[in-house]
Amino acid sequence: MALEFRCRDVGVACKNVAKAETADELVAAVARHAKSEHGVELNQTLIDYAVTKVRPVGG
């Protein structure tokens, strides 16, 4: 089952939707996006919070 994460779901004014097949791949994609587009290096607290906003694609 494919997963997705939307920046706006964590209060960031951004239209990015990251998608991946596994949670590990999704976290990696979100971390790359956060650093390159928002200048944010994800720490464990931010990762733990972001994971609570992950949903199935289209969910």
C-alpha atoms as a PDB file:
ATOM      1  CA  MET A   1       0.000   0.000   0.000  1.00  0.00           C
ATOM      2  CA  ALA A   2       1.464   3.351  -1.039  1.00  0.00           C
ATOM      3  CA  LEU A   3       1.719   6.071   1.600  1.00  0.00           C
ATOM      4  CA  GLU A   4       1.683   9.854   1.449  1.00  0.00           C
ATOM      5  CA  PHE A   5       2.584  12.850   3.587  1.00  0.00           C
ATOM      6  CA  ARG A   6       1.397  16.412   3.028  1.00  0.00           C
ATOM      7  CA  CYS A   7       3.335  19.346   4.454  1.00  0.00           C
ATOM      8  CA  ARG A   8       0.103  21.239   5.055  1.00  0.00           C
ATOM      9  CA  ASP A   9      -1.028  18.498   7.479  1.00  0.00           C
ATOM     10  CA  VAL A  10       1.691  19.629   9.889  1.00  0.00           C
ATOM     11  CA  GLY A  11       0.912  23.320   9.517  1.00  0.00           C
ATOM     12  CA  VAL A  12       3.414  24.202   6.783  1.00  0.00           C
ATOM     13  CA  ALA A  13       2.166  26.431   3.967  1.00  0.00           C
ATOM     14  CA  CYS A  14       3.374  24.093   1.232  1.00  0.00           C
ATOM     15  CA  LYS A  15       1.589  22.086  -1.450  1.00  0.00           C
ATOM     16  CA  ASN A  16       4.134  19.253  -1.480  1.00  0.00           C
ATOM     17  CA  VAL A  17       2.794  15.700  -1.273  1.00  0.00           C
ATOM     18  CA  ALA A  18       5.475  13.065  -0.739  1.00  0.00           C
ATOM     19  CA  LYS A  19       4.593   9.499  -1.739  1.00  0.00           C
ATOM     20  CA  ALA A  20       6.408   6.202  -1.232  1.00  0.00           C
ATOM     21  CA  GLU A  21       5.777   2.488  -0.931  1.00  0.00           C
ATOM     22  CA  THR A  22       7.156   2.119   2.612  1.00  0.00           C
ATOM     23  CA  ALA A  23       7.245   4.259   5.737  1.00  0.00           C
ATOM     24  CA  ASP A  24      11.064   4.310   5.686  1.00  0.00           C
ATOM     25  CA  GLU A  25      11.130   5.534   2.084  1.00  0.00           C
ATOM     26  CA  LEU A  26       8.508   8.165   2.892  1.00  0.00           C
ATOM     27  CA  VAL A  27      10.403   9.489   5.913  1.00  0.00           C
ATOM     28  CA  ALA A  28      13.540   9.761   3.771  1.00  0.00           C
ATOM     29  CA  ALA A  29      11.640  11.665   1.077  1.00  0.00           C
ATOM     30  CA  VAL A  30      10.060  13.999   3.634  1.00  0.00           C
ATOM     31  CA  ALA A  31      13.448  14.624   5.262  1.00  0.00           C
ATOM     32  CA  ARG A  32      15.006  15.531   1.885  1.00  0.00           C
ATOM     33  CA  HIS A  33      12.131  17.872   1.076  1.00  0.00           C
ATOM     34  CA  ALA A  34      12.156  19.494   4.519  1.00  0.00           C
ATOM     35  CA  LYS A  35      15.869  20.229   4.242  1.00  0.00           C
ATOM     36  CA  SER A  36      15.961  21.394   0.616  1.00  0.00           C
ATOM     37  CA  GLU A  37      12.728  23.411   0.539  1.00  0.00           C
ATOM     38  CA  HIS A  38      12.220  24.519   4.141  1.00  0.00           C
ATOM     39  CA  GLY A  39      15.757  24.515   5.548  1.00  0.00           C
ATOM     40  CA  VAL A  40      14.672  22.157   8.328  1.00  0.00           C
ATOM     41  CA  GLU A  41      16.763  19.203   9.461  1.00  0.00           C
ATOM     42  CA  LEU A  42      14.372  16.626  10.897  1.00  0.00           C
ATOM     43  CA  ASN A  43      15.190  15.349  14.371  1.00  0.00           C
ATOM     44  CA  GLN A  44      13.514  12.343  15.980  1.00  0.00           C
ATOM     45  CA  THR A  45      10.743  14.456  17.540  1.00  0.00           C
ATOM     46  CA  LEU A  46       9.803  15.946  14.161  1.00  0.00           C
ATOM     47  CA  ILE A  47       9.964  12.534  12.503  1.00  0.00           C
ATOM     48  CA  ASP A  48       7.722  11.017  15.186  1.00  0.00           C
ATOM     49  CA  TYR A  49       5.186  13.808  14.669  1.00  0.00           C
ATOM     50  CA  ALA A  50       5.314  13.575  10.875  1.00  0.00           C
ATOM     51  CA  VAL A  51       4.700   9.820  11.011  1.00  0.00           C
ATOM     52  CA  THR A  52       1.382  10.488  12.794  1.00  0.00           C
ATOM     53  CA  LYS A  53       0.246  12.377   9.657  1.00  0.00           C
ATOM     54  CA  VAL A  54       1.118   9.634   7.169  1.00  0.00           C
ATOM     55  CA  ARG A  55      -1.852   8.134   5.358  1.00  0.00           C
ATOM     56  CA  PRO A  56      -2.594   5.766   2.506  1.00  0.00           C
ATOM     57  CA  VAL A  57      -2.409   7.458  -0.891  1.00  0.00           C
ATOM     58  CA  GLY A  58      -5.780   9.072  -1.550  1.00  0.00           C
ATOM     59  CA  GLY A  59      -6.781   8.672   2.093  1.00  0.00           C
END
